[in-house]
Amino acid sequence: MTFRQALTFHLNSVMKKNITDFDSTIHPVSISLVLGNGKLIQSREEFIRFHEDWFADNDWCIEFEVINTRETEQMASALLYVHYDDFDEKGNPYQLNYYLHLLFENVNGKWLLVFDQNTNIR
């Protein structure tokens, strides 16, 4: 699978809220997540648990627009613009727009996510 195919597969797994497919795109040992509020997650187990909880919420939808990608033999990155729609705990709709930076490592021919940073646009 090429990097672009792996990126598309990863993003589709998020949009479809498919934790099994999503999990298959994550590095087995090394993963870091920086949320828009600055929270840092560096445990794979916590990373997957966070996404399981998020995927279990049926109210949200997300759209991605690739701004740019960069690829070498061992590493590849993608900068994306994200539009996110959801409902708060009171049922009021809200939207977020943010940048998403994803970094993948080529591990034996398979592109696996090692870094995920979300930066809110204000």
PDB file of N, CA and C in Angstrom:
ATOM      1  N   MET A   1       0.848  -1.174   0.000  1.00  0.00           N
ATOM      2  CA  MET A   1       0.000   0.000   0.000  1.00  0.00           C
ATOM      3  C   MET A   1       0.895   1.240   0.000  1.00  0.00           C
ATOM      4  N   THR A   2       0.609   2.169  -0.877  1.00  0.00           N
ATOM      5  CA  THR A   2       1.377   3.414  -0.921  1.00  0.00           C
ATOM      6  C   THR A   2       1.010   4.287   0.276  1.00  0.00           C
ATOM      7  N   PHE A   3       1.812   5.326   0.501  1.00  0.00           N
ATOM      8  CA  PHE A   3       1.484   6.240   1.592  1.00  0.00           C
ATOM      9  C   PHE A   3       0.112   6.864   1.385  1.00  0.00           C
ATOM     10  N   ARG A   4      -0.170   7.347   0.170  1.00  0.00           N
ATOM     11  CA  ARG A   4      -1.476   7.993  -0.082  1.00  0.00           C
ATOM     12  C   ARG A   4      -2.627   7.011   0.159  1.00  0.00           C
ATOM     13  N   GLN A   5      -2.449   5.769  -0.212  1.00  0.00           N
ATOM     14  CA  GLN A   5      -3.482   4.761   0.048  1.00  0.00           C
ATOM     15  C   GLN A   5      -3.647   4.531   1.549  1.00  0.00           C
ATOM     16  N   ALA A   6      -2.525   4.475   2.263  1.00  0.00           N
ATOM     17  CA  ALA A   6      -2.579   4.284   3.715  1.00  0.00           C
ATOM     18  C   ALA A   6      -3.245   5.476   4.396  1.00  0.00           C
ATOM     19  N   LEU A   7      -2.929   6.680   3.941  1.00  0.00           N
ATOM     20  CA  LEU A   7      -3.549   7.882   4.497  1.00  0.00           C
ATOM     21  C   LEU A   7      -5.059   7.854   4.261  1.00  0.00           C
ATOM     22  N   THR A   8      -5.468   7.536   3.055  1.00  0.00           N
ATOM     23  CA  THR A   8      -6.896   7.461   2.736  1.00  0.00           C
ATOM     24  C   THR A   8      -7.591   6.404   3.585  1.00  0.00           C
ATOM     25  N   PHE A   9      -6.962   5.248   3.747  1.00  0.00           N
ATOM     26  CA  PHE A   9      -7.523   4.180   4.575  1.00  0.00           C
ATOM     27  C   PHE A   9      -7.677   4.656   6.016  1.00  0.00           C
ATOM     28  N   HIS A  10      -6.655   5.321   6.533  1.00  0.00           N
ATOM     29  CA  HIS A  10      -6.692   5.834   7.905  1.00  0.00           C
ATOM     30  C   HIS A  10      -7.832   6.840   8.075  1.00  0.00           C
ATOM     31  N   LEU A  11      -7.918   7.816   7.171  1.00  0.00           N
ATOM     32  CA  LEU A  11      -8.957   8.844   7.270  1.00  0.00           C
ATOM     33  C   LEU A  11     -10.350   8.238   7.115  1.00  0.00           C
ATOM     34  N   ASN A  12     -10.499   7.278   6.220  1.00  0.00           N
ATOM     35  CA  ASN A  12     -11.792   6.606   6.063  1.00  0.00           C
ATOM     36  C   ASN A  12     -12.185   5.843   7.316  1.00  0.00           C
ATOM     37  N   SER A  13     -11.209   5.243   7.996  1.00  0.00           N
ATOM     38  CA  SER A  13     -11.523   4.516   9.228  1.00  0.00           C
ATOM     39  C   SER A  13     -12.046   5.472  10.298  1.00  0.00           C
ATOM     40  N   VAL A  14     -11.547   6.712  10.301  1.00  0.00           N
ATOM     41  CA  VAL A  14     -12.060   7.718  11.238  1.00  0.00           C
ATOM     42  C   VAL A  14     -13.479   8.110  10.838  1.00  0.00           C
ATOM     43  N   MET A  15     -13.682   8.447   9.580  1.00  0.00           N
ATOM     44  CA  MET A  15     -15.011   8.883   9.127  1.00  0.00           C
ATOM     45  C   MET A  15     -16.067   7.798   9.330  1.00  0.00           C
ATOM     46  N   LYS A  16     -15.667   6.531   9.178  1.00  0.00           N
ATOM     47  CA  LYS A  16     -16.596   5.408   9.357  1.00  0.00           C
ATOM     48  C   LYS A  16     -16.665   4.940  10.812  1.00  0.00           C
ATOM     49  N   LYS A  17     -15.823   5.525  11.669  1.00  0.00           N
ATOM     50  CA  LYS A  17     -15.761   5.164  13.094  1.00  0.00           C
ATOM     51  C   LYS A  17     -15.490   3.667  13.267  1.00  0.00           C
ATOM     52  N   ASN A  18     -14.560   3.158  12.462  1.00  0.00           N
ATOM     53  CA  ASN A  18     -14.217   1.739  12.458  1.00  0.00           C
ATOM     54  C   ASN A  18     -12.923   1.549  13.241  1.00  0.00           C
ATOM     55  N   ILE A  19     -13.053   1.171  14.505  1.00  0.00           N
ATOM     56  CA  ILE A  19     -11.887   1.087  15.392  1.00  0.00           C
ATOM     57  C   ILE A  19     -10.930  -0.027  14.965  1.00  0.00           C
ATOM     58  N   THR A  20     -11.426  -1.100  14.376  1.00  0.00           N
ATOM     59  CA  THR A  20     -10.548  -2.196  13.945  1.00  0.00           C
ATOM     60  C   THR A  20      -9.633  -1.734  12.819  1.00  0.00           C
ATOM     61  N   ASP A  21     -10.216  -1.104  11.804  1.00  0.00           N
ATOM     62  CA  ASP A  21      -9.400  -0.578  10.708  1.00  0.00           C
ATOM     63  C   ASP A  21      -8.467   0.518  11.207  1.00  0.00           C
ATOM     64  N   PHE A  22      -8.984   1.401  12.064  1.00  0.00           N
ATOM     65  CA  PHE A  22      -8.177   2.486  12.619  1.00  0.00           C
ATOM     66  C   PHE A  22      -6.965   1.920  13.358  1.00  0.00           C
ATOM     67  N   ASP A  23      -7.198   0.944  14.223  1.00  0.00           N
ATOM     68  CA  ASP A  23      -6.131   0.335  15.020  1.00  0.00           C
ATOM     69  C   ASP A  23      -5.043  -0.258  14.126  1.00  0.00           C
ATOM     70  N   SER A  24      -5.423  -0.778  12.975  1.00  0.00           N
ATOM     71  CA  SER A  24      -4.440  -1.397  12.076  1.00  0.00           C
ATOM     72  C   SER A  24      -3.512  -0.372  11.431  1.00  0.00           C
ATOM     73  N   THR A  25      -3.832   0.917  11.539  1.00  0.00           N
ATOM     74  CA  THR A  25      -3.003   1.969  10.940  1.00  0.00           C
ATOM     75  C   THR A  25      -2.065   2.623  11.952  1.00  0.00           C
ATOM     76  N   ILE A  26      -2.112   2.176  13.210  1.00  0.00           N
ATOM     77  CA  ILE A  26      -1.345   2.798  14.291  1.00  0.00           C
ATOM     78  C   ILE A  26      -0.103   1.968  14.597  1.00  0.00           C
ATOM     79  N   HIS A  27       1.019   2.644  14.797  1.00  0.00           N
ATOM     80  CA  HIS A  27       2.273   1.964  15.144  1.00  0.00           C
ATOM     81  C   HIS A  27       2.053   1.126  16.406  1.00  0.00           C
ATOM     82  N   PRO A  28       2.593  -0.091  16.467  1.00  0.00           N
ATOM     83  CA  PRO A  28       2.343  -0.960  17.618  1.00  0.00           C
ATOM     84  C   PRO A  28       2.999  -0.501  18.917  1.00  0.00           C
ATOM     85  N   VAL A  29       3.996   0.363  18.831  1.00  0.00           N
ATOM     86  CA  VAL A  29       4.722   0.778  20.031  1.00  0.00           C
ATOM     87  C   VAL A  29       4.701   2.286  20.226  1.00  0.00           C
ATOM     88  N   SER A  30       5.028   3.027  19.189  1.00  0.00           N
ATOM     89  CA  SER A  30       5.275   4.463  19.316  1.00  0.00           C
ATOM     90  C   SER A  30       4.141   5.286  18.717  1.00  0.00           C
ATOM     91  N   ILE A  31       3.368   5.977  19.583  1.00  0.00           N
ATOM     92  CA  ILE A  31       2.325   6.875  19.108  1.00  0.00           C
ATOM     93  C   ILE A  31       2.210   8.053  20.072  1.00  0.00           C
ATOM     94  N   SER A  32       2.107   9.238  19.517  1.00  0.00           N
ATOM     95  CA  SER A  32       1.885  10.447  20.316  1.00  0.00           C
ATOM     96  C   SER A  32       0.710  11.198  19.718  1.00  0.00           C
ATOM     97  N   LEU A  33      -0.165  11.685  20.600  1.00  0.00           N
ATOM     98  CA  LEU A  33      -1.327  12.469  20.200  1.00  0.00           C
ATOM     99  C   LEU A  33      -1.319  13.765  20.983  1.00  0.00           C
ATOM    100  N   VAL A  34      -1.407  14.888  20.268  1.00  0.00           N
ATOM    101  CA  VAL A  34      -1.559  16.195  20.900  1.00  0.00           C
ATOM    102  C   VAL A  34      -2.942  16.699  20.507  1.00  0.00           C
ATOM    103  N   LEU A  35      -3.807  16.848  21.505  1.00  0.00           N
ATOM    104  CA  LEU A  35      -5.160  17.329  21.254  1.00  0.00           C
ATOM    105  C   LEU A  35      -5.165  18.844  21.105  1.00  0.00           C
ATOM    106  N   GLY A  36      -6.258  19.376  20.598  1.00  0.00           N
ATOM    107  CA  GLY A  36      -6.385  20.811  20.396  1.00  0.00           C
ATOM    108  C   GLY A  36      -6.294  21.621  21.670  1.00  0.00           C
ATOM    109  N   ASN A  37      -6.623  20.987  22.812  1.00  0.00           N
ATOM    110  CA  ASN A  37      -6.533  21.677  24.103  1.00  0.00           C
ATOM    111  C   ASN A  37      -5.152  21.543  24.747  1.00  0.00           C
ATOM    112  N   GLY A  38      -4.233  20.895  24.041  1.00  0.00           N
ATOM    113  CA  GLY A  38      -2.872  20.746  24.544  1.00  0.00           C
ATOM    114  C   GLY A  38      -2.603  19.449  25.278  1.00  0.00           C
ATOM    115  N   LYS A  39      -3.629  18.646  25.539  1.00  0.00           N
ATOM    116  CA  LYS A  39      -3.416  17.374  26.231  1.00  0.00           C
ATOM    117  C   LYS A  39      -2.545  16.464  25.375  1.00  0.00           C
ATOM    118  N   LEU A  40      -1.577  15.816  26.022  1.00  0.00           N
ATOM    119  CA  LEU A  40      -0.647  14.911  25.355  1.00  0.00           C
ATOM    120  C   LEU A  40      -0.935  13.475  25.781  1.00  0.00           C
ATOM    121  N   ILE A  41      -1.091  12.600  24.807  1.00  0.00           N
ATOM    122  CA  ILE A  41      -1.261  11.167  25.050  1.00  0.00           C
ATOM    123  C   ILE A  41      -0.105  10.457  24.362  1.00  0.00           C
ATOM    124  N   GLN A  42       0.643   9.640  25.127  1.00  0.00           N
ATOM    125  CA  GLN A  42       1.787   8.924  24.558  1.00  0.00           C
ATOM    126  C   GLN A  42       1.722   7.421  24.785  1.00  0.00           C
ATOM    127  N   SER A  43       0.626   6.940  25.318  1.00  0.00           N
ATOM    128  CA  SER A  43       0.429   5.513  25.517  1.00  0.00           C
ATOM    129  C   SER A  43      -0.472   4.984  24.405  1.00  0.00           C
ATOM    130  N   ARG A  44      -0.054   3.902  23.757  1.00  0.00           N
ATOM    131  CA  ARG A  44      -0.877   3.333  22.689  1.00  0.00           C
ATOM    132  C   ARG A  44      -2.236   2.912  23.231  1.00  0.00           C
ATOM    133  N   GLU A  45      -2.246   2.306  24.412  1.00  0.00           N
ATOM    134  CA  GLU A  45      -3.502   1.856  25.005  1.00  0.00           C
ATOM    135  C   GLU A  45      -4.442   3.031  25.257  1.00  0.00           C
ATOM    136  N   GLU A  46      -3.918   4.127  25.799  1.00  0.00           N
ATOM    137  CA  GLU A  46      -4.742   5.309  26.048  1.00  0.00           C
ATOM    138  C   GLU A  46      -5.198   5.936  24.730  1.00  0.00           C
ATOM    139  N   PHE A  47      -4.334   5.929  23.738  1.00  0.00           N
ATOM    140  CA  PHE A  47      -4.663   6.458  22.414  1.00  0.00           C
ATOM    141  C   PHE A  47      -5.846   5.698  21.810  1.00  0.00           C
ATOM    142  N   ILE A  48      -5.786   4.371  21.836  1.00  0.00           N
ATOM    143  CA  ILE A  48      -6.869   3.552  21.282  1.00  0.00           C
ATOM    144  C   ILE A  48      -8.136   3.716  22.116  1.00  0.00           C
ATOM    145  N   ARG A  49      -8.025   3.725  23.427  1.00  0.00           N
ATOM    146  CA  ARG A  49      -9.191   3.911  24.302  1.00  0.00           C
ATOM    147  C   ARG A  49      -9.880   5.249  24.020  1.00  0.00           C
ATOM    148  N   PHE A  50      -9.084   6.312  23.841  1.00  0.00           N
ATOM    149  CA  PHE A  50      -9.627   7.631  23.510  1.00  0.00           C
ATOM    150  C   PHE A  50     -10.459   7.546  22.227  1.00  0.00           C
ATOM    151  N   HIS A  51      -9.921   6.872  21.216  1.00  0.00           N
ATOM    152  CA  HIS A  51     -10.628   6.776  19.939  1.00  0.00           C
ATOM    153  C   HIS A  51     -11.829   5.834  20.021  1.00  0.00           C
ATOM    154  N   GLU A  52     -11.753   4.781  20.815  1.00  0.00           N
ATOM    155  CA  GLU A  52     -12.925   3.916  21.019  1.00  0.00           C
ATOM    156  C   GLU A  52     -14.084   4.721  21.596  1.00  0.00           C
ATOM    157  N   ASP A  53     -13.794   5.534  22.607  1.00  0.00           N
ATOM    158  CA  ASP A  53     -14.832   6.369  23.224  1.00  0.00           C
ATOM    159  C   ASP A  53     -15.386   7.373  22.223  1.00  0.00           C
ATOM    160  N   TRP A  54     -14.504   7.992  21.451  1.00  0.00           N
ATOM    161  CA  TRP A  54     -14.927   8.982  20.460  1.00  0.00           C
ATOM    162  C   TRP A  54     -15.772   8.327  19.367  1.00  0.00           C
ATOM    163  N   PHE A  55     -15.335   7.190  18.868  1.00  0.00           N
ATOM    164  CA  PHE A  55     -16.063   6.499  17.802  1.00  0.00           C
ATOM    165  C   PHE A  55     -17.430   6.005  18.280  1.00  0.00           C
ATOM    166  N   ALA A  56     -17.578   5.740  19.573  1.00  0.00           N
ATOM    167  CA  ALA A  56     -18.852   5.265  20.123  1.00  0.00           C
ATOM    168  C   ALA A  56     -19.924   6.356  20.110  1.00  0.00           C
ATOM    169  N   ASP A  57     -19.509   7.617  20.003  1.00  0.00           N
ATOM    170  CA  ASP A  57     -20.441   8.748  19.935  1.00  0.00           C
ATOM    171  C   ASP A  57     -20.937   8.870  18.493  1.00  0.00           C
ATOM    172  N   ASN A  58     -22.229   8.692  18.292  1.00  0.00           N
ATOM    173  CA  ASN A  58     -22.786   8.698  16.935  1.00  0.00           C
ATOM    174  C   ASN A  58     -23.158  10.079  16.421  1.00  0.00           C
ATOM    175  N   ASP A  59     -23.005  11.125  17.239  1.00  0.00           N
ATOM    176  CA  ASP A  59     -23.482  12.464  16.879  1.00  0.00           C
ATOM    177  C   ASP A  59     -22.566  13.236  15.938  1.00  0.00           C
ATOM    178  N   TRP A  60     -21.302  12.899  15.869  1.00  0.00           N
ATOM    179  CA  TRP A  60     -20.359  13.749  15.140  1.00  0.00           C
ATOM    180  C   TRP A  60     -20.121  13.265  13.713  1.00  0.00           C
ATOM    181  N   CYS A  61     -19.670  14.212  12.910  1.00  0.00           N
ATOM    182  CA  CYS A  61     -19.168  13.878  11.578  1.00  0.00           C
ATOM    183  C   CYS A  61     -17.962  14.772  11.299  1.00  0.00           C
ATOM    184  N   ILE A  62     -17.110  14.293  10.430  1.00  0.00           N
ATOM    185  CA  ILE A  62     -15.835  14.956  10.189  1.00  0.00           C
ATOM    186  C   ILE A  62     -15.520  14.929   8.695  1.00  0.00           C
ATOM    187  N   GLU A  63     -14.891  16.002   8.225  1.00  0.00           N
ATOM    188  CA  GLU A  63     -14.445  16.089   6.834  1.00  0.00           C
ATOM    189  C   GLU A  63     -12.983  16.512   6.823  1.00  0.00           C
ATOM    190  N   PHE A  64     -12.224  15.922   5.927  1.00  0.00           N
ATOM    191  CA  PHE A  64     -10.801  16.217   5.799  1.00  0.00           C
ATOM    192  C   PHE A  64     -10.501  16.809   4.430  1.00  0.00           C
ATOM    193  N   GLU A  65      -9.585  17.763   4.413  1.00  0.00           N
ATOM    194  CA  GLU A  65      -9.057  18.292   3.152  1.00  0.00           C
ATOM    195  C   GLU A  65      -7.536  18.268   3.260  1.00  0.00           C
ATOM    196  N   VAL A  66      -6.888  17.528   2.386  1.00  0.00           N
ATOM    197  CA  VAL A  66      -5.429  17.445   2.415  1.00  0.00           C
ATOM    198  C   VAL A  66      -4.858  18.759   1.896  1.00  0.00           C
ATOM    199  N   ILE A  67      -4.036  19.394   2.714  1.00  0.00           N
ATOM    200  CA  ILE A  67      -3.358  20.632   2.315  1.00  0.00           C
ATOM    201  C   ILE A  67      -2.051  20.294   1.615  1.00  0.00           C
ATOM    202  N   ASN A  68      -1.260  19.414   2.247  1.00  0.00           N
ATOM    203  CA  ASN A  68      -0.038  18.948   1.596  1.00  0.00           C
ATOM    204  C   ASN A  68       0.438  17.656   2.231  1.00  0.00           C
ATOM    205  N   THR A  69       1.288  16.967   1.513  1.00  0.00           N
ATOM    206  CA  THR A  69       1.933  15.757   2.015  1.00  0.00           C
ATOM    207  C   THR A  69       3.411  15.827   1.662  1.00  0.00           C
ATOM    208  N   ARG A  70       4.185  15.096   2.412  1.00  0.00           N
ATOM    209  CA  ARG A  70       5.631  14.990   2.157  1.00  0.00           C
ATOM    210  C   ARG A  70       6.008  13.563   2.476  1.00  0.00           C
ATOM    211  N   GLU A  71       6.809  12.960   1.612  1.00  0.00           N
ATOM    212  CA  GLU A  71       7.122  11.549   1.768  1.00  0.00           C
ATOM    213  C   GLU A  71       8.582  11.263   1.451  1.00  0.00           C
ATOM    214  N   THR A  72       9.216  10.483   2.331  1.00  0.00           N
ATOM    215  CA  THR A  72      10.520   9.895   2.058  1.00  0.00           C
ATOM    216  C   THR A  72      10.333   8.377   2.124  1.00  0.00           C
ATOM    217  N   GLU A  73      11.413   7.631   1.991  1.00  0.00           N
ATOM    218  CA  GLU A  73      11.289   6.174   2.056  1.00  0.00           C
ATOM    219  C   GLU A  73      10.819   5.699   3.423  1.00  0.00           C
ATOM    220  N   GLN A  74      11.231   6.401   4.489  1.00  0.00           N
ATOM    221  CA  GLN A  74      10.938   5.935   5.844  1.00  0.00           C
ATOM    222  C   GLN A  74       9.813   6.678   6.562  1.00  0.00           C
ATOM    223  N   MET A  75       9.614   7.947   6.221  1.00  0.00           N
ATOM    224  CA  MET A  75       8.623   8.763   6.927  1.00  0.00           C
ATOM    225  C   MET A  75       7.768   9.523   5.918  1.00  0.00           C
ATOM    226  N   ALA A  76       6.532   9.812   6.328  1.00  0.00           N
ATOM    227  CA  ALA A  76       5.643  10.621   5.497  1.00  0.00           C
ATOM    228  C   ALA A  76       4.730  11.427   6.407  1.00  0.00           C
ATOM    229  N   SER A  77       4.400  12.629   5.960  1.00  0.00           N
ATOM    230  CA  SER A  77       3.514  13.471   6.760  1.00  0.00           C
ATOM    231  C   SER A  77       2.389  14.004   5.888  1.00  0.00           C
ATOM    232  N   ALA A  78       1.306  14.347   6.565  1.00  0.00           N
ATOM    233  CA  ALA A  78       0.164  14.963   5.896  1.00  0.00           C
ATOM    234  C   ALA A  78      -0.347  16.085   6.787  1.00  0.00           C
ATOM    235  N   LEU A  79      -0.576  17.238   6.175  1.00  0.00           N
ATOM    236  CA  LEU A  79      -1.216  18.355   6.852  1.00  0.00           C
ATOM    237  C   LEU A  79      -2.617  18.465   6.268  1.00  0.00           C
ATOM    238  N   LEU A  80      -3.605  18.456   7.152  1.00  0.00           N
ATOM    239  CA  LEU A  80      -4.994  18.467   6.713  1.00  0.00           C
ATOM    240  C   LEU A  80      -5.764  19.602   7.373  1.00  0.00           C
ATOM    241  N   TYR A  81      -6.768  20.082   6.653  1.00  0.00           N
ATOM    242  CA  TYR A  81      -7.750  20.999   7.218  1.00  0.00           C
ATOM    243  C   TYR A  81      -8.949  20.134   7.591  1.00  0.00           C
ATOM    244  N   VAL A  82      -9.458  20.321   8.808  1.00  0.00           N
ATOM    245  CA  VAL A  82     -10.546  19.487   9.310  1.00  0.00           C
ATOM    246  C   VAL A  82     -11.753  20.355   9.641  1.00  0.00           C
ATOM    247  N   HIS A  83     -12.917  19.892   9.205  1.00  0.00           N
ATOM    248  CA  HIS A  83     -14.186  20.489   9.625  1.00  0.00           C
ATOM    249  C   HIS A  83     -14.932  19.417  10.410  1.00  0.00           C
ATOM    250  N   TYR A  84     -15.334  19.767  11.638  1.00  0.00           N
ATOM    251  CA  TYR A  84     -15.925  18.814  12.577  1.00  0.00           C
ATOM    252  C   TYR A  84     -17.251  19.367  13.087  1.00  0.00           C
ATOM    253  N   ASP A  85     -18.302  18.565  12.991  1.00  0.00           N
ATOM    254  CA  ASP A  85     -19.628  18.912  13.515  1.00  0.00           C
ATOM    255  C   ASP A  85     -19.990  17.950  14.631  1.00  0.00           C
ATOM    256  N   ASP A  86     -20.535  18.494  15.735  1.00  0.00           N
ATOM    257  CA  ASP A  86     -20.912  17.657  16.868  1.00  0.00           C
ATOM    258  C   ASP A  86     -21.991  18.376  17.671  1.00  0.00           C
ATOM    259  N   PHE A  87     -22.417  17.743  18.746  1.00  0.00           N
ATOM    260  CA  PHE A  87     -23.371  18.322  19.686  1.00  0.00           C
ATOM    261  C   PHE A  87     -22.748  18.306  21.069  1.00  0.00           C
ATOM    262  N   ASP A  88     -22.946  19.385  21.833  1.00  0.00           N
ATOM    263  CA  ASP A  88     -22.425  19.410  23.196  1.00  0.00           C
ATOM    264  C   ASP A  88     -23.331  18.579  24.108  1.00  0.00           C
ATOM    265  N   GLU A  89     -22.979  18.510  25.395  1.00  0.00           N
ATOM    266  CA  GLU A  89     -23.719  17.679  26.343  1.00  0.00           C
ATOM    267  C   GLU A  89     -25.170  18.124  26.526  1.00  0.00           C
ATOM    268  N   LYS A  90     -25.497  19.356  26.153  1.00  0.00           N
ATOM    269  CA  LYS A  90     -26.877  19.854  26.243  1.00  0.00           C
ATOM    270  C   LYS A  90     -27.644  19.664  24.934  1.00  0.00           C
ATOM    271  N   GLY A  91     -26.984  19.089  23.931  1.00  0.00           N
ATOM    272  CA  GLY A  91     -27.636  18.851  22.653  1.00  0.00           C
ATOM    273  C   GLY A  91     -27.545  19.994  21.668  1.00  0.00           C
ATOM    274  N   ASN A  92     -26.743  21.002  22.003  1.00  0.00           N
ATOM    275  CA  ASN A  92     -26.563  22.144  21.106  1.00  0.00           C
ATOM    276  C   ASN A  92     -25.483  21.833  20.068  1.00  0.00           C
ATOM    277  N   PRO A  93     -25.764  22.098  18.789  1.00  0.00           N
ATOM    278  CA  PRO A  93     -24.755  21.820  17.765  1.00  0.00           C
ATOM    279  C   PRO A  93     -23.589  22.805  17.840  1.00  0.00           C
ATOM    280  N   TYR A  94     -22.412  22.308  17.502  1.00  0.00           N
ATOM    281  CA  TYR A  94     -21.243  23.182  17.373  1.00  0.00           C
ATOM    282  C   TYR A  94     -20.341  22.646  16.271  1.00  0.00           C
ATOM    283  N   GLN A  95     -19.469  23.528  15.801  1.00  0.00           N
ATOM    284  CA  GLN A  95     -18.522  23.173  14.747  1.00  0.00           C
ATOM    285  C   GLN A  95     -17.121  23.573  15.175  1.00  0.00           C
ATOM    286  N   LEU A  96     -16.155  22.795  14.736  1.00  0.00           N
ATOM    287  CA  LEU A  96     -14.745  23.123  14.930  1.00  0.00           C
ATOM    288  C   LEU A  96     -14.050  23.045  13.577  1.00  0.00           C
ATOM    289  N   ASN A  97     -13.127  23.957  13.369  1.00  0.00           N
ATOM    290  CA  ASN A  97     -12.225  23.893  12.227  1.00  0.00           C
ATOM    291  C   ASN A  97     -10.818  23.882  12.800  1.00  0.00           C
ATOM    292  N   TYR A  98     -10.013  22.950  12.344  1.00  0.00           N
ATOM    293  CA  TYR A  98      -8.655  22.856  12.876  1.00  0.00           C
ATOM    294  C   TYR A  98      -7.724  22.207  11.860  1.00  0.00           C
ATOM    295  N   TYR A  99      -6.432  22.346  12.145  1.00  0.00           N
ATOM    296  CA  TYR A  99      -5.417  21.678  11.341  1.00  0.00           C
ATOM    297  C   TYR A  99      -5.044  20.374  12.025  1.00  0.00           C
ATOM    298  N   LEU A 100      -4.784  19.378  11.224  1.00  0.00           N
ATOM    299  CA  LEU A 100      -4.372  18.070  11.703  1.00  0.00           C
ATOM    300  C   LEU A 100      -3.073  17.706  10.998  1.00  0.00           C
ATOM    301  N   HIS A 101      -2.052  17.405  11.789  1.00  0.00           N
ATOM    302  CA  HIS A 101      -0.772  16.968  11.232  1.00  0.00           C
ATOM    303  C   HIS A 101      -0.572  15.509  11.617  1.00  0.00           C
ATOM    304  N   LEU A 102      -0.400  14.663  10.626  1.00  0.00           N
ATOM    305  CA  LEU A 102      -0.184  13.235  10.838  1.00  0.00           C
ATOM    306  C   LEU A 102       1.189  12.849  10.310  1.00  0.00           C
ATOM    307  N   LEU A 103       1.908  12.044  11.094  1.00  0.00           N
ATOM    308  CA  LEU A 103       3.227  11.560  10.705  1.00  0.00           C
ATOM    309  C   LEU A 103       3.198  10.034  10.731  1.00  0.00           C
ATOM    310  N   PHE A 104       3.589   9.440   9.617  1.00  0.00           N
ATOM    311  CA  PHE A 104       3.599   7.986   9.471  1.00  0.00           C
ATOM    312  C   PHE A 104       5.028   7.493   9.278  1.00  0.00           C
ATOM    313  N   GLU A 105       5.301   6.295   9.793  1.00  0.00           N
ATOM    314  CA  GLU A 105       6.585   5.628   9.589  1.00  0.00           C
ATOM    315  C   GLU A 105       6.360   4.393   8.718  1.00  0.00           C
ATOM    316  N   ASN A 106       7.268   4.166   7.792  1.00  0.00           N
ATOM    317  CA  ASN A 106       7.213   2.975   6.958  1.00  0.00           C
ATOM    318  C   ASN A 106       7.888   1.839   7.729  1.00  0.00           C
ATOM    319  N   VAL A 107       7.077   0.890   8.185  1.00  0.00           N
ATOM    320  CA  VAL A 107       7.571  -0.252   8.952  1.00  0.00           C
ATOM    321  C   VAL A 107       7.387  -1.500   8.094  1.00  0.00           C
ATOM    322  N   ASN A 108       8.491  -1.975   7.532  1.00  0.00           N
ATOM    323  CA  ASN A 108       8.459  -3.174   6.685  1.00  0.00           C
ATOM    324  C   ASN A 108       7.405  -3.070   5.580  1.00  0.00           C
ATOM    325  N   GLY A 109       7.348  -1.901   4.949  1.00  0.00           N
ATOM    326  CA  GLY A 109       6.435  -1.702   3.831  1.00  0.00           C
ATOM    327  C   GLY A 109       5.025  -1.285   4.203  1.00  0.00           C
ATOM    328  N   LYS A 110       4.758  -1.103   5.490  1.00  0.00           N
ATOM    329  CA  LYS A 110       3.425  -0.697   5.941  1.00  0.00           C
ATOM    330  C   LYS A 110       3.521   0.670   6.616  1.00  0.00           C
ATOM    331  N   TRP A 111       2.716   1.626   6.150  1.00  0.00           N
ATOM    332  CA  TRP A 111       2.718   2.971   6.716  1.00  0.00           C
ATOM    333  C   TRP A 111       1.868   2.999   7.979  1.00  0.00           C
ATOM    334  N   LEU A 112       2.510   3.339   9.127  1.00  0.00           N
ATOM    335  CA  LEU A 112       1.835   3.328  10.425  1.00  0.00           C
ATOM    336  C   LEU A 112       1.961   4.689  11.100  1.00  0.00           C
ATOM    337  N   LEU A 113       0.868   5.151  11.682  1.00  0.00           N
ATOM    338  CA  LEU A 113       0.822   6.454  12.337  1.00  0.00           C
ATOM    339  C   LEU A 113       1.662   6.453  13.610  1.00  0.00           C
ATOM    340  N   VAL A 114       2.528   7.469  13.753  1.00  0.00           N
ATOM    341  CA  VAL A 114       3.345   7.621  14.956  1.00  0.00           C
ATOM    342  C   VAL A 114       3.092   8.954  15.664  1.00  0.00           C
ATOM    343  N   PHE A 115       2.471   9.921  14.972  1.00  0.00           N
ATOM    344  CA  PHE A 115       2.256  11.244  15.567  1.00  0.00           C
ATOM    345  C   PHE A 115       0.999  11.865  14.980  1.00  0.00           C
ATOM    346  N   ASP A 116       0.186  12.455  15.863  1.00  0.00           N
ATOM    347  CA  ASP A 116      -1.106  13.033  15.490  1.00  0.00           C
ATOM    348  C   ASP A 116      -1.267  14.319  16.295  1.00  0.00           C
ATOM    349  N   GLN A 117      -1.218  15.465  15.619  1.00  0.00           N
ATOM    350  CA  GLN A 117      -1.356  16.746  16.323  1.00  0.00           C
ATOM    351  C   GLN A 117      -2.523  17.536  15.756  1.00  0.00           C
ATOM    352  N   ASN A 118      -3.372  18.010  16.660  1.00  0.00           N
ATOM    353  CA  ASN A 118      -4.548  18.805  16.324  1.00  0.00           C
ATOM    354  C   ASN A 118      -4.316  20.232  16.794  1.00  0.00           C
ATOM    355  N   THR A 119      -4.487  21.206  15.895  1.00  0.00           N
ATOM    356  CA  THR A 119      -4.279  22.615  16.236  1.00  0.00           C
ATOM    357  C   THR A 119      -5.537  23.392  15.876  1.00  0.00           C
ATOM    358  N   ASN A 120      -6.210  23.902  16.901  1.00  0.00           N
ATOM    359  CA  ASN A 120      -7.447  24.648  16.684  1.00  0.00           C
ATOM    360  C   ASN A 120      -7.191  25.928  15.905  1.00  0.00           C
ATOM    361  N   ILE A 121      -8.145  26.275  15.052  1.00  0.00           N
ATOM    362  CA  ILE A 121      -8.122  27.544  14.331  1.00  0.00           C
ATOM    363  C   ILE A 121      -9.101  28.460  15.050  1.00  0.00           C
ATOM    364  N   ARG A 122      -8.630  29.605  15.471  1.00  0.00           N
ATOM    365  CA  ARG A 122      -9.519  30.524  16.206  1.00  0.00           C
ATOM    366  C   ARG A 122      -9.891  31.699  15.368  1.00  0.00           C
TER     367      ARG A 122
END
